[in-house]
Amino acid sequence: MNAARNRNMEDRRSRQLAEIIRLSHRMLAHARAGEWARVAELEAGRRELVLECFRSPTSAQDAPGVAALIKEILHLNHKVTELAKASHAQLGSELQDHRLGKAACAAYAGCAR
């Protein structure tokens, strides 16, 4: 009876991990498209699933497989994070250009009077 319950728990965890990976791939696709609001929405749902998935310990037998899936999730996370950093830097650069343009317009308007 206990073995059946443990197997059922591990089957549920396998499905949850598969869903976490699927959500991670979707997050990466939206990050590549610059859809950061959607990335944040998916991440919030994924976070809840991760908490639920690891509410109970993994069996020693399943630990290597779970560890491999966690590595895949971390790799996808790293890609999303790198895209976020690049997007943040680009946005900062565009904001700086906008400020310089605004200052130039103000200076020109001041001289034109």
PDB file of N, CA and C in Angstrom:
ATOM      1  N   MET A   1       0.821  -1.195   0.000  1.00  0.00           N
ATOM      2  CA  MET A   1       0.000   0.000   0.000  1.00  0.00           C
ATOM      3  C   MET A   1       0.865   1.258   0.000  1.00  0.00           C
ATOM      4  N   ASN A   2       1.875   1.296   0.858  1.00  0.00           N
ATOM      5  CA  ASN A   2       2.774   2.438   0.944  1.00  0.00           C
ATOM      6  C   ASN A   2       3.554   2.630  -0.358  1.00  0.00           C
ATOM      7  N   ALA A   3       3.976   1.526  -0.981  1.00  0.00           N
ATOM      8  CA  ALA A   3       4.711   1.602  -2.249  1.00  0.00           C
ATOM      9  C   ALA A   3       3.834   2.200  -3.339  1.00  0.00           C
ATOM     10  N   ALA A   4       2.560   1.820  -3.367  1.00  0.00           N
ATOM     11  CA  ALA A   4       1.636   2.361  -4.367  1.00  0.00           C
ATOM     12  C   ALA A   4       1.441   3.859  -4.163  1.00  0.00           C
ATOM     13  N   ARG A   5       1.340   4.279  -2.920  1.00  0.00           N
ATOM     14  CA  ARG A   5       1.171   5.712  -2.632  1.00  0.00           C
ATOM     15  C   ARG A   5       2.413   6.491  -3.058  1.00  0.00           C
ATOM     16  N   ASN A   6       3.604   5.938  -2.767  1.00  0.00           N
ATOM     17  CA  ASN A   6       4.853   6.594  -3.172  1.00  0.00           C
ATOM     18  C   ASN A   6       4.961   6.684  -4.688  1.00  0.00           C
ATOM     19  N   ARG A   7       4.578   5.622  -5.397  1.00  0.00           N
ATOM     20  CA  ARG A   7       4.629   5.619  -6.867  1.00  0.00           C
ATOM     21  C   ARG A   7       3.692   6.682  -7.413  1.00  0.00           C
ATOM     22  N   ASN A   8       2.494   6.778  -6.842  1.00  0.00           N
ATOM     23  CA  ASN A   8       1.523   7.775  -7.269  1.00  0.00           C
ATOM     24  C   ASN A   8       2.069   9.183  -7.048  1.00  0.00           C
ATOM     25  N   MET A   9       2.746   9.378  -5.904  1.00  0.00           N
ATOM     26  CA  MET A   9       3.336  10.679  -5.597  1.00  0.00           C
ATOM     27  C   MET A   9       4.425  11.021  -6.616  1.00  0.00           C
ATOM     28  N   GLU A  10       5.250  10.030  -6.965  1.00  0.00           N
ATOM     29  CA  GLU A  10       6.323  10.280  -7.925  1.00  0.00           C
ATOM     30  C   GLU A  10       5.770  10.503  -9.329  1.00  0.00           C
ATOM     31  N   ASP A  11       4.681   9.812  -9.690  1.00  0.00           N
ATOM     32  CA  ASP A  11       4.038  10.054 -10.984  1.00  0.00           C
ATOM     33  C   ASP A  11       3.516  11.486 -11.047  1.00  0.00           C
ATOM     34  N   ARG A  12       2.901  11.930  -9.947  1.00  0.00           N
ATOM     35  CA  ARG A  12       2.397  13.308  -9.895  1.00  0.00           C
ATOM     36  C   ARG A  12       3.555  14.297 -10.017  1.00  0.00           C
ATOM     37  N   ARG A  13       4.655  14.022  -9.318  1.00  0.00           N
ATOM     38  CA  ARG A  13       5.823  14.898  -9.393  1.00  0.00           C
ATOM     39  C   ARG A  13       6.375  14.923 -10.823  1.00  0.00           C
ATOM     40  N   SER A  14       6.408  13.791 -11.488  1.00  0.00           N
ATOM     41  CA  SER A  14       6.891  13.741 -12.874  1.00  0.00           C
ATOM     42  C   SER A  14       6.039  14.625 -13.771  1.00  0.00           C
ATOM     43  N   ARG A  15       4.720  14.566 -13.594  1.00  0.00           N
ATOM     44  CA  ARG A  15       3.831  15.423 -14.389  1.00  0.00           C
ATOM     45  C   ARG A  15       4.059  16.897 -14.062  1.00  0.00           C
ATOM     46  N   GLN A  16       4.241  17.190 -12.786  1.00  0.00           N
ATOM     47  CA  GLN A  16       4.485  18.575 -12.383  1.00  0.00           C
ATOM     48  C   GLN A  16       5.799  19.089 -12.968  1.00  0.00           C
ATOM     49  N   LEU A  17       6.837  18.278 -12.907  1.00  0.00           N
ATOM     50  CA  LEU A  17       8.128  18.698 -13.466  1.00  0.00           C
ATOM     51  C   LEU A  17       8.030  18.902 -14.972  1.00  0.00           C
ATOM     52  N   ALA A  18       7.287  18.031 -15.654  1.00  0.00           N
ATOM     53  CA  ALA A  18       7.090  18.200 -17.097  1.00  0.00           C
ATOM     54  C   ALA A  18       6.376  19.518 -17.381  1.00  0.00           C
ATOM     55  N   GLU A  19       5.393  19.862 -16.557  1.00  0.00           N
ATOM     56  CA  GLU A  19       4.671  21.127 -16.728  1.00  0.00           C
ATOM     57  C   GLU A  19       5.578  22.320 -16.417  1.00  0.00           C
ATOM     58  N   ILE A  20       6.419  22.196 -15.414  1.00  0.00           N
ATOM     59  CA  ILE A  20       7.367  23.270 -15.083  1.00  0.00           C
ATOM     60  C   ILE A  20       8.309  23.508 -16.256  1.00  0.00           C
ATOM     61  N   ILE A  21       8.784  22.438 -16.874  1.00  0.00           N
ATOM     62  CA  ILE A  21       9.673  22.576 -18.036  1.00  0.00           C
ATOM     63  C   ILE A  21       8.921  23.197 -19.203  1.00  0.00           C
ATOM     64  N   ARG A  22       7.683  22.768 -19.419  1.00  0.00           N
ATOM     65  CA  ARG A  22       6.876  23.343 -20.502  1.00  0.00           C
ATOM     66  C   ARG A  22       6.676  24.845 -20.274  1.00  0.00           C
ATOM     67  N   LEU A  23       6.351  25.225 -19.050  1.00  0.00           N
ATOM     68  CA  LEU A  23       6.188  26.649 -18.730  1.00  0.00           C
ATOM     69  C   LEU A  23       7.502  27.404 -18.914  1.00  0.00           C
ATOM     70  N   SER A  24       8.610  26.785 -18.562  1.00  0.00           N
ATOM     71  CA  SER A  24       9.925  27.421 -18.717  1.00  0.00           C
ATOM     72  C   SER A  24      10.231  27.675 -20.186  1.00  0.00           C
ATOM     73  N   HIS A  25       9.887  26.717 -21.052  1.00  0.00           N
ATOM     74  CA  HIS A  25      10.084  26.909 -22.497  1.00  0.00           C
ATOM     75  C   HIS A  25       9.190  28.038 -23.014  1.00  0.00           C
ATOM     76  N   ARG A  26       7.961  28.101 -22.528  1.00  0.00           N
ATOM     77  CA  ARG A  26       7.059  29.186 -22.934  1.00  0.00           C
ATOM     78  C   ARG A  26       7.597  30.537 -22.465  1.00  0.00           C
ATOM     79  N   MET A  27       8.119  30.570 -21.236  1.00  0.00           N
ATOM     80  CA  MET A  27       8.710  31.809 -20.728  1.00  0.00           C
ATOM     81  C   MET A  27       9.855  32.254 -21.626  1.00  0.00           C
ATOM     82  N   LEU A  28      10.690  31.310 -22.034  1.00  0.00           N
ATOM     83  CA  LEU A  28      11.818  31.635 -22.900  1.00  0.00           C
ATOM     84  C   LEU A  28      11.330  32.176 -24.242  1.00  0.00           C
ATOM     85  N   ALA A  29      10.307  31.556 -24.811  1.00  0.00           N
ATOM     86  CA  ALA A  29       9.762  32.030 -26.088  1.00  0.00           C
ATOM     87  C   ALA A  29       9.226  33.455 -25.951  1.00  0.00           C
ATOM     88  N   HIS A  30       8.512  33.731 -24.879  1.00  0.00           N
ATOM     89  CA  HIS A  30       7.980  35.085 -24.671  1.00  0.00           C
ATOM     90  C   HIS A  30       9.109  36.075 -24.374  1.00  0.00           C
ATOM     91  N   ALA A  31      10.136  35.634 -23.680  1.00  0.00           N
ATOM     92  CA  ALA A  31      11.286  36.512 -23.415  1.00  0.00           C
ATOM     93  C   ALA A  31      11.973  36.878 -24.723  1.00  0.00           C
ATOM     94  N   ARG A  32      12.129  35.906 -25.599  1.00  0.00           N
ATOM     95  CA  ARG A  32      12.754  36.175 -26.910  1.00  0.00           C
ATOM     96  C   ARG A  32      11.936  37.172 -27.717  1.00  0.00           C
ATOM     97  N   ALA A  33      10.609  37.161 -27.507  1.00  0.00           N
ATOM     98  CA  ALA A  33       9.721  38.093 -28.209  1.00  0.00           C
ATOM     99  C   ALA A  33       9.598  39.431 -27.481  1.00  0.00           C
ATOM    100  N   GLY A  34      10.259  39.553 -26.332  1.00  0.00           N
ATOM    101  CA  GLY A  34      10.198  40.797 -25.572  1.00  0.00           C
ATOM    102  C   GLY A  34       8.883  40.990 -24.841  1.00  0.00           C
ATOM    103  N   GLU A  35       8.148  39.917 -24.628  1.00  0.00           N
ATOM    104  CA  GLU A  35       6.842  39.980 -23.965  1.00  0.00           C
ATOM    105  C   GLU A  35       7.019  39.719 -22.469  1.00  0.00           C
ATOM    106  N   TRP A  36       7.566  40.711 -21.783  1.00  0.00           N
ATOM    107  CA  TRP A  36       7.968  40.527 -20.390  1.00  0.00           C
ATOM    108  C   TRP A  36       6.805  40.398 -19.429  1.00  0.00           C
ATOM    109  N   ALA A  37       5.682  41.027 -19.729  1.00  0.00           N
ATOM    110  CA  ALA A  37       4.508  40.878 -18.858  1.00  0.00           C
ATOM    111  C   ALA A  37       4.032  39.428 -18.880  1.00  0.00           C
ATOM    112  N   ARG A  38       4.059  38.828 -20.050  1.00  0.00           N
ATOM    113  CA  ARG A  38       3.644  37.419 -20.169  1.00  0.00           C
ATOM    114  C   ARG A  38       4.642  36.507 -19.454  1.00  0.00           C
ATOM    115  N   VAL A  39       5.930  36.825 -19.558  1.00  0.00           N
ATOM    116  CA  VAL A  39       6.952  36.048 -18.843  1.00  0.00           C
ATOM    117  C   VAL A  39       6.656  36.077 -17.345  1.00  0.00           C
ATOM    118  N   ALA A  40       6.337  37.252 -16.830  1.00  0.00           N
ATOM    119  CA  ALA A  40       6.054  37.395 -15.397  1.00  0.00           C
ATOM    120  C   ALA A  40       4.820  36.593 -14.990  1.00  0.00           C
ATOM    121  N   GLU A  41       3.788  36.608 -15.827  1.00  0.00           N
ATOM    122  CA  GLU A  41       2.578  35.833 -15.530  1.00  0.00           C
ATOM    123  C   GLU A  41       2.888  34.342 -15.465  1.00  0.00           C
ATOM    124  N   LEU A  42       3.625  33.865 -16.456  1.00  0.00           N
ATOM    125  CA  LEU A  42       3.974  32.444 -16.494  1.00  0.00           C
ATOM    126  C   LEU A  42       4.852  32.065 -15.310  1.00  0.00           C
ATOM    127  N   GLU A  43       5.763  32.952 -14.949  1.00  0.00           N
ATOM    128  CA  GLU A  43       6.669  32.669 -13.836  1.00  0.00           C
ATOM    129  C   GLU A  43       5.905  32.549 -12.524  1.00  0.00           C
ATOM    130  N   ALA A  44       4.887  33.375 -12.350  1.00  0.00           N
ATOM    131  CA  ALA A  44       4.086  33.308 -11.123  1.00  0.00           C
ATOM    132  C   ALA A  44       3.383  31.955 -11.015  1.00  0.00           C
ATOM    133  N   GLY A  45       2.815  31.494 -12.110  1.00  0.00           N
ATOM    134  CA  GLY A  45       2.172  30.182 -12.113  1.00  0.00           C
ATOM    135  C   GLY A  45       3.174  29.060 -11.921  1.00  0.00           C
ATOM    136  N   ARG A  46       4.310  29.205 -12.537  1.00  0.00           N
ATOM    137  CA  ARG A  46       5.355  28.188 -12.418  1.00  0.00           C
ATOM    138  C   ARG A  46       5.862  28.108 -10.985  1.00  0.00           C
ATOM    139  N   ARG A  47       6.015  29.252 -10.346  1.00  0.00           N
ATOM    140  CA  ARG A  47       6.493  29.288  -8.958  1.00  0.00           C
ATOM    141  C   ARG A  47       5.564  28.491  -8.042  1.00  0.00           C
ATOM    142  N   GLU A  48       4.256  28.674  -8.222  1.00  0.00           N
ATOM    143  CA  GLU A  48       3.277  27.920  -7.427  1.00  0.00           C
ATOM    144  C   GLU A  48       3.432  26.419  -7.657  1.00  0.00           C
ATOM    145  N   LEU A  49       3.627  26.043  -8.901  1.00  0.00           N
ATOM    146  CA  LEU A  49       3.786  24.632  -9.239  1.00  0.00           C
ATOM    147  C   LEU A  49       5.067  24.057  -8.638  1.00  0.00           C
ATOM    148  N   VAL A  50       6.141  24.834  -8.647  1.00  0.00           N
ATOM    149  CA  VAL A  50       7.406  24.390  -8.049  1.00  0.00           C
ATOM    150  C   VAL A  50       7.221  24.157  -6.551  1.00  0.00           C
ATOM    151  N   LEU A  51       6.559  25.085  -5.883  1.00  0.00           N
ATOM    152  CA  LEU A  51       6.322  24.927  -4.440  1.00  0.00           C
ATOM    153  C   LEU A  51       5.517  23.668  -4.142  1.00  0.00           C
ATOM    154  N   GLU A  52       4.505  23.437  -4.944  1.00  0.00           N
ATOM    155  CA  GLU A  52       3.680  22.244  -4.763  1.00  0.00           C
ATOM    156  C   GLU A  52       4.478  20.976  -5.065  1.00  0.00           C
ATOM    157  N   CYS A  53       5.273  21.023  -6.107  1.00  0.00           N
ATOM    158  CA  CYS A  53       6.046  19.860  -6.545  1.00  0.00           C
ATOM    159  C   CYS A  53       7.026  19.386  -5.474  1.00  0.00           C
ATOM    160  N   PHE A  54       7.632  20.324  -4.771  1.00  0.00           N
ATOM    161  CA  PHE A  54       8.669  19.962  -3.804  1.00  0.00           C
ATOM    162  C   PHE A  54       8.202  20.083  -2.353  1.00  0.00           C
ATOM    163  N   ARG A  55       6.899  20.011  -2.174  1.00  0.00           N
ATOM    164  CA  ARG A  55       6.338  20.039  -0.824  1.00  0.00           C
ATOM    165  C   ARG A  55       6.779  18.816  -0.019  1.00  0.00           C
ATOM    166  N   SER A  56       6.970  17.699  -0.706  1.00  0.00           N
ATOM    167  CA  SER A  56       7.438  16.478  -0.038  1.00  0.00           C
ATOM    168  C   SER A  56       8.777  16.057  -0.653  1.00  0.00           C
ATOM    169  N   PRO A  57       9.599  15.344   0.108  1.00  0.00           N
ATOM    170  CA  PRO A  57      10.922  14.963  -0.396  1.00  0.00           C
ATOM    171  C   PRO A  57      10.844  13.946  -1.536  1.00  0.00           C
ATOM    172  N   THR A  58      11.860  13.969  -2.365  1.00  0.00           N
ATOM    173  CA  THR A  58      11.988  13.017  -3.464  1.00  0.00           C
ATOM    174  C   THR A  58      12.617  11.733  -2.937  1.00  0.00           C
ATOM    175  N   SER A  59      12.182  10.615  -3.464  1.00  0.00           N
ATOM    176  CA  SER A  59      12.780   9.345  -3.042  1.00  0.00           C
ATOM    177  C   SER A  59      14.210   9.258  -3.575  1.00  0.00           C
ATOM    178  N   ALA A  60      15.036   8.503  -2.883  1.00  0.00           N
ATOM    179  CA  ALA A  60      16.431   8.326  -3.307  1.00  0.00           C
ATOM    180  C   ALA A  60      16.493   7.715  -4.701  1.00  0.00           C
ATOM    181  N   GLN A  61      15.548   6.846  -5.000  1.00  0.00           N
ATOM    182  CA  GLN A  61      15.508   6.183  -6.304  1.00  0.00           C
ATOM    183  C   GLN A  61      15.255   7.189  -7.429  1.00  0.00           C
ATOM    184  N   ASP A  62      14.402   8.167  -7.188  1.00  0.00           N
ATOM    185  CA  ASP A  62      14.033   9.134  -8.225  1.00  0.00           C
ATOM    186  C   ASP A  62      14.901  10.391  -8.227  1.00  0.00           C
ATOM    187  N   ALA A  63      15.749  10.537  -7.219  1.00  0.00           N
ATOM    188  CA  ALA A  63      16.548  11.761  -7.082  1.00  0.00           C
ATOM    189  C   ALA A  63      17.403  12.080  -8.306  1.00  0.00           C
ATOM    190  N   PRO A  64      18.109  11.116  -8.922  1.00  0.00           N
ATOM    191  CA  PRO A  64      18.928  11.470 -10.091  1.00  0.00           C
ATOM    192  C   PRO A  64      18.098  12.024 -11.255  1.00  0.00           C
ATOM    193  N   GLY A  65      16.937  11.436 -11.505  1.00  0.00           N
ATOM    194  CA  GLY A  65      16.078  11.930 -12.579  1.00  0.00           C
ATOM    195  C   GLY A  65      15.534  13.316 -12.281  1.00  0.00           C
ATOM    196  N   VAL A  66      15.134  13.522 -11.041  1.00  0.00           N
ATOM    197  CA  VAL A  66      14.627  14.834 -10.627  1.00  0.00           C
ATOM    198  C   VAL A  66      15.741  15.872 -10.730  1.00  0.00           C
ATOM    199  N   ALA A  67      16.949  15.499 -10.322  1.00  0.00           N
ATOM    200  CA  ALA A  67      18.089  16.426 -10.403  1.00  0.00           C
ATOM    201  C   ALA A  67      18.362  16.830 -11.849  1.00  0.00           C
ATOM    202  N   ALA A  68      18.258  15.886 -12.777  1.00  0.00           N
ATOM    203  CA  ALA A  68      18.481  16.200 -14.192  1.00  0.00           C
ATOM    204  C   ALA A  68      17.430  17.184 -14.700  1.00  0.00           C
ATOM    205  N   LEU A  69      16.185  16.999 -14.286  1.00  0.00           N
ATOM    206  CA  LEU A  69      15.126  17.917 -14.704  1.00  0.00           C
ATOM    207  C   LEU A  69      15.316  19.298 -14.088  1.00  0.00           C
ATOM    208  N   ILE A  70      15.766  19.333 -12.854  1.00  0.00           N
ATOM    209  CA  ILE A  70      16.039  20.620 -12.205  1.00  0.00           C
ATOM    210  C   ILE A  70      17.149  21.352 -12.953  1.00  0.00           C
ATOM    211  N   LYS A  71      18.170  20.633 -13.393  1.00  0.00           N
ATOM    212  CA  LYS A  71      19.247  21.261 -14.172  1.00  0.00           C
ATOM    213  C   LYS A  71      18.706  21.858 -15.461  1.00  0.00           C
ATOM    214  N   GLU A  72      17.791  21.145 -16.114  1.00  0.00           N
ATOM    215  CA  GLU A  72      17.190  21.669 -17.342  1.00  0.00           C
ATOM    216  C   GLU A  72      16.399  22.944 -17.053  1.00  0.00           C
ATOM    217  N   ILE A  73      15.642  22.935 -15.969  1.00  0.00           N
ATOM    218  CA  ILE A  73      14.860  24.114 -15.579  1.00  0.00           C
ATOM    219  C   ILE A  73      15.794  25.289 -15.289  1.00  0.00           C
ATOM    220  N   LEU A  74      16.875  25.033 -14.572  1.00  0.00           N
ATOM    221  CA  LEU A  74      17.840  26.093 -14.259  1.00  0.00           C
ATOM    222  C   LEU A  74      18.496  26.638 -15.523  1.00  0.00           C
ATOM    223  N   HIS A  75      18.775  25.762 -16.481  1.00  0.00           N
ATOM    224  CA  HIS A  75      19.366  26.202 -17.752  1.00  0.00           C
ATOM    225  C   HIS A  75      18.400  27.131 -18.499  1.00  0.00           C
ATOM    226  N   LEU A  76      17.136  26.748 -18.547  1.00  0.00           N
ATOM    227  CA  LEU A  76      16.135  27.599 -19.197  1.00  0.00           C
ATOM    228  C   LEU A  76      15.991  28.923 -18.455  1.00  0.00           C
ATOM    229  N   ASN A  77      16.007  28.865 -17.134  1.00  0.00           N
ATOM    230  CA  ASN A  77      15.945  30.084 -16.321  1.00  0.00           C
ATOM    231  C   ASN A  77      17.102  31.017 -16.647  1.00  0.00           C
ATOM    232  N   HIS A  78      18.285  30.437 -16.779  1.00  0.00           N
ATOM    233  CA  HIS A  78      19.475  31.233 -17.082  1.00  0.00           C
ATOM    234  C   HIS A  78      19.300  31.959 -18.419  1.00  0.00           C
ATOM    235  N   LYS A  79      18.755  31.267 -19.412  1.00  0.00           N
ATOM    236  CA  LYS A  79      18.529  31.893 -20.718  1.00  0.00           C
ATOM    237  C   LYS A  79      17.548  33.064 -20.605  1.00  0.00           C
ATOM    238  N   VAL A  80      16.471  32.865 -19.851  1.00  0.00           N
ATOM    239  CA  VAL A  80      15.485  33.941 -19.664  1.00  0.00           C
ATOM    240  C   VAL A  80      16.134  35.120 -18.946  1.00  0.00           C
ATOM    241  N   THR A  81      16.929  34.832 -17.935  1.00  0.00           N
ATOM    242  CA  THR A  81      17.607  35.888 -17.172  1.00  0.00           C
ATOM    243  C   THR A  81      18.561  36.675 -18.059  1.00  0.00           C
ATOM    244  N   GLU A  82      19.305  35.988 -18.906  1.00  0.00           N
ATOM    245  CA  GLU A  82      20.229  36.677 -19.811  1.00  0.00           C
ATOM    246  C   GLU A  82      19.471  37.585 -20.775  1.00  0.00           C
ATOM    247  N   LEU A  83      18.355  37.106 -21.293  1.00  0.00           N
ATOM    248  CA  LEU A  83      17.539  37.948 -22.175  1.00  0.00           C
ATOM    249  C   LEU A  83      16.982  39.150 -21.421  1.00  0.00           C
ATOM    250  N   ALA A  84      16.591  38.948 -20.184  1.00  0.00           N
ATOM    251  CA  ALA A  84      16.075  40.057 -19.370  1.00  0.00           C
ATOM    252  C   ALA A  84      17.155  41.103 -19.139  1.00  0.00           C
ATOM    253  N   LYS A  85      18.371  40.650 -18.852  1.00  0.00           N
ATOM    254  CA  LYS A  85      19.482  41.590 -18.648  1.00  0.00           C
ATOM    255  C   LYS A  85      19.752  42.387 -19.916  1.00  0.00           C
ATOM    256  N   ALA A  86      19.755  41.706 -21.057  1.00  0.00           N
ATOM    257  CA  ALA A  86      19.999  42.395 -22.328  1.00  0.00           C
ATOM    258  C   ALA A  86      18.881  43.394 -22.622  1.00  0.00           C
ATOM    259  N   SER A  87      17.650  43.001 -22.361  1.00  0.00           N
ATOM    260  CA  SER A  87      16.514  43.888 -22.589  1.00  0.00           C
ATOM    261  C   SER A  87      16.579  45.098 -21.666  1.00  0.00           C
ATOM    262  N   HIS A  88      16.957  44.861 -20.425  1.00  0.00           N
ATOM    263  CA  HIS A  88      17.087  45.945 -19.452  1.00  0.00           C
ATOM    264  C   HIS A  88      18.166  46.937 -19.904  1.00  0.00           C
ATOM    265  N   ALA A  89      19.284  46.421 -20.368  1.00  0.00           N
ATOM    266  CA  ALA A  89      20.367  47.291 -20.835  1.00  0.00           C
ATOM    267  C   ALA A  89      19.921  48.095 -22.054  1.00  0.00           C
ATOM    268  N   GLN A  90      19.208  47.442 -22.978  1.00  0.00           N
ATOM    269  CA  GLN A  90      18.716  48.123 -24.176  1.00  0.00           C
ATOM    270  C   GLN A  90      17.726  49.216 -23.796  1.00  0.00           C
ATOM    271  N   LEU A  91      16.833  48.910 -22.879  1.00  0.00           N
ATOM    272  CA  LEU A  91      15.849  49.887 -22.431  1.00  0.00           C
ATOM    273  C   LEU A  91      16.532  51.075 -21.760  1.00  0.00           C
ATOM    274  N   GLY A  92      17.553  50.796 -20.954  1.00  0.00           N
ATOM    275  CA  GLY A  92      18.309  51.872 -20.311  1.00  0.00           C
ATOM    276  C   GLY A  92      18.979  52.769 -21.327  1.00  0.00           C
ATOM    277  N   SER A  93      19.530  52.155 -22.372  1.00  0.00           N
ATOM    278  CA  SER A  93      20.181  52.922 -23.433  1.00  0.00           C
ATOM    279  C   SER A  93      19.163  53.789 -24.174  1.00  0.00           C
ATOM    280  N   GLU A  94      18.005  53.214 -24.478  1.00  0.00           N
ATOM    281  CA  GLU A  94      16.961  53.977 -25.168  1.00  0.00           C
ATOM    282  C   GLU A  94      16.449  55.119 -24.296  1.00  0.00           C
ATOM    283  N   LEU A  95      16.327  54.874 -23.015  1.00  0.00           N
ATOM    284  CA  LEU A  95      15.885  55.915 -22.088  1.00  0.00           C
ATOM    285  C   LEU A  95      16.908  57.050 -22.039  1.00  0.00           C
ATOM    286  N   GLN A  96      18.176  56.706 -22.008  1.00  0.00           N
ATOM    287  CA  GLN A  96      19.234  57.720 -22.007  1.00  0.00           C
ATOM    288  C   GLN A  96      19.190  58.534 -23.298  1.00  0.00           C
ATOM    289  N   ASP A  97      19.011  57.853 -24.441  1.00  0.00           N
ATOM    290  CA  ASP A  97      18.900  58.560 -25.722  1.00  0.00           C
ATOM    291  C   ASP A  97      17.703  59.507 -25.711  1.00  0.00           C
ATOM    292  N   HIS A  98      16.594  59.056 -25.137  1.00  0.00           N
ATOM    293  CA  HIS A  98      15.393  59.885 -25.054  1.00  0.00           C
ATOM    294  C   HIS A  98      15.661  61.126 -24.200  1.00  0.00           C
ATOM    295  N   ARG A  99      16.338  60.934 -23.066  1.00  0.00           N
ATOM    296  CA  ARG A  99      16.663  62.067 -22.189  1.00  0.00           C
ATOM    297  C   ARG A  99      17.572  63.064 -22.895  1.00  0.00           C
ATOM    298  N   LEU A 100      18.562  62.548 -23.631  1.00  0.00           N
ATOM    299  CA  LEU A 100      19.466  63.440 -24.363  1.00  0.00           C
ATOM    300  C   LEU A 100      18.710  64.206 -25.438  1.00  0.00           C
ATOM    301  N   GLY A 101      17.805  63.510 -26.127  1.00  0.00           N
ATOM    302  CA  GLY A 101      16.998  64.167 -27.155  1.00  0.00           C
ATOM    303  C   GLY A 101      16.104  65.238 -26.562  1.00  0.00           C
ATOM    304  N   LYS A 102      15.522  64.947 -25.420  1.00  0.00           N
ATOM    305  CA  LYS A 102      14.657  65.907 -24.740  1.00  0.00           C
ATOM    306  C   LYS A 102      15.465  67.129 -24.290  1.00  0.00           C
ATOM    307  N   ALA A 103      16.669  66.885 -23.766  1.00  0.00           N
ATOM    308  CA  ALA A 103      17.533  67.990 -23.333  1.00  0.00           C
ATOM    309  C   ALA A 103      17.953  68.836 -24.529  1.00  0.00           C
ATOM    310  N   ALA A 104      18.240  68.183 -25.648  1.00  0.00           N
ATOM    311  CA  ALA A 104      18.632  68.921 -26.854  1.00  0.00           C
ATOM    312  C   ALA A 104      17.478  69.782 -27.350  1.00  0.00           C
ATOM    313  N   CYS A 105      16.269  69.237 -27.320  1.00  0.00           N
ATOM    314  CA  CYS A 105      15.093  70.007 -27.743  1.00  0.00           C
ATOM    315  C   CYS A 105      14.877  71.214 -26.835  1.00  0.00           C
ATOM    316  N   ALA A 106      15.046  71.004 -25.532  1.00  0.00           N
ATOM    317  CA  ALA A 106      14.879  72.106 -24.581  1.00  0.00           C
ATOM    318  C   ALA A 106      15.940  73.173 -24.814  1.00  0.00           C
ATOM    319  N   ALA A 107      17.172  72.754 -25.071  1.00  0.00           N
ATOM    320  CA  ALA A 107      18.253  73.710 -25.323  1.00  0.00           C
ATOM    321  C   ALA A 107      17.984  74.481 -26.609  1.00  0.00           C
ATOM    322  N   TYR A 108      17.524  73.787 -27.642  1.00  0.00           N
ATOM    323  CA  TYR A 108      17.224  74.433 -28.914  1.00  0.00           C
ATOM    324  C   TYR A 108      16.081  75.425 -28.733  1.00  0.00           C
ATOM    325  N   ALA A 109      15.050  75.010 -27.994  1.00  0.00           N
ATOM    326  CA  ALA A 109      13.906  75.896 -27.763  1.00  0.00           C
ATOM    327  C   ALA A 109      14.343  77.132 -26.984  1.00  0.00           C
ATOM    328  N   GLY A 110      15.271  76.975 -26.048  1.00  0.00           N
ATOM    329  CA  GLY A 110      15.776  78.104 -25.273  1.00  0.00           C
ATOM    330  C   GLY A 110      16.562  79.075 -26.138  1.00  0.00           C
ATOM    331  N   CYS A 111      17.299  78.542 -27.093  1.00  0.00           N
ATOM    332  CA  CYS A 111      18.102  79.395 -27.979  1.00  0.00           C
ATOM    333  C   CYS A 111      17.250  80.058 -29.047  1.00  0.00           C
ATOM    334  N   ALA A 112      16.163  79.441 -29.422  1.00  0.00           N
ATOM    335  CA  ALA A 112      15.328  79.946 -30.501  1.00  0.00           C
ATOM    336  C   ALA A 112      14.492  81.139 -30.064  1.00  0.00           C
ATOM    337  N   ARG A 113      14.392  81.385 -28.771  1.00  0.00           N
ATOM    338  CA  ARG A 113      13.558  82.496 -28.289  1.00  0.00           C
ATOM    339  C   ARG A 113      14.200  83.799 -28.480  1.00  0.00           C
TER     340      ARG A 113
END
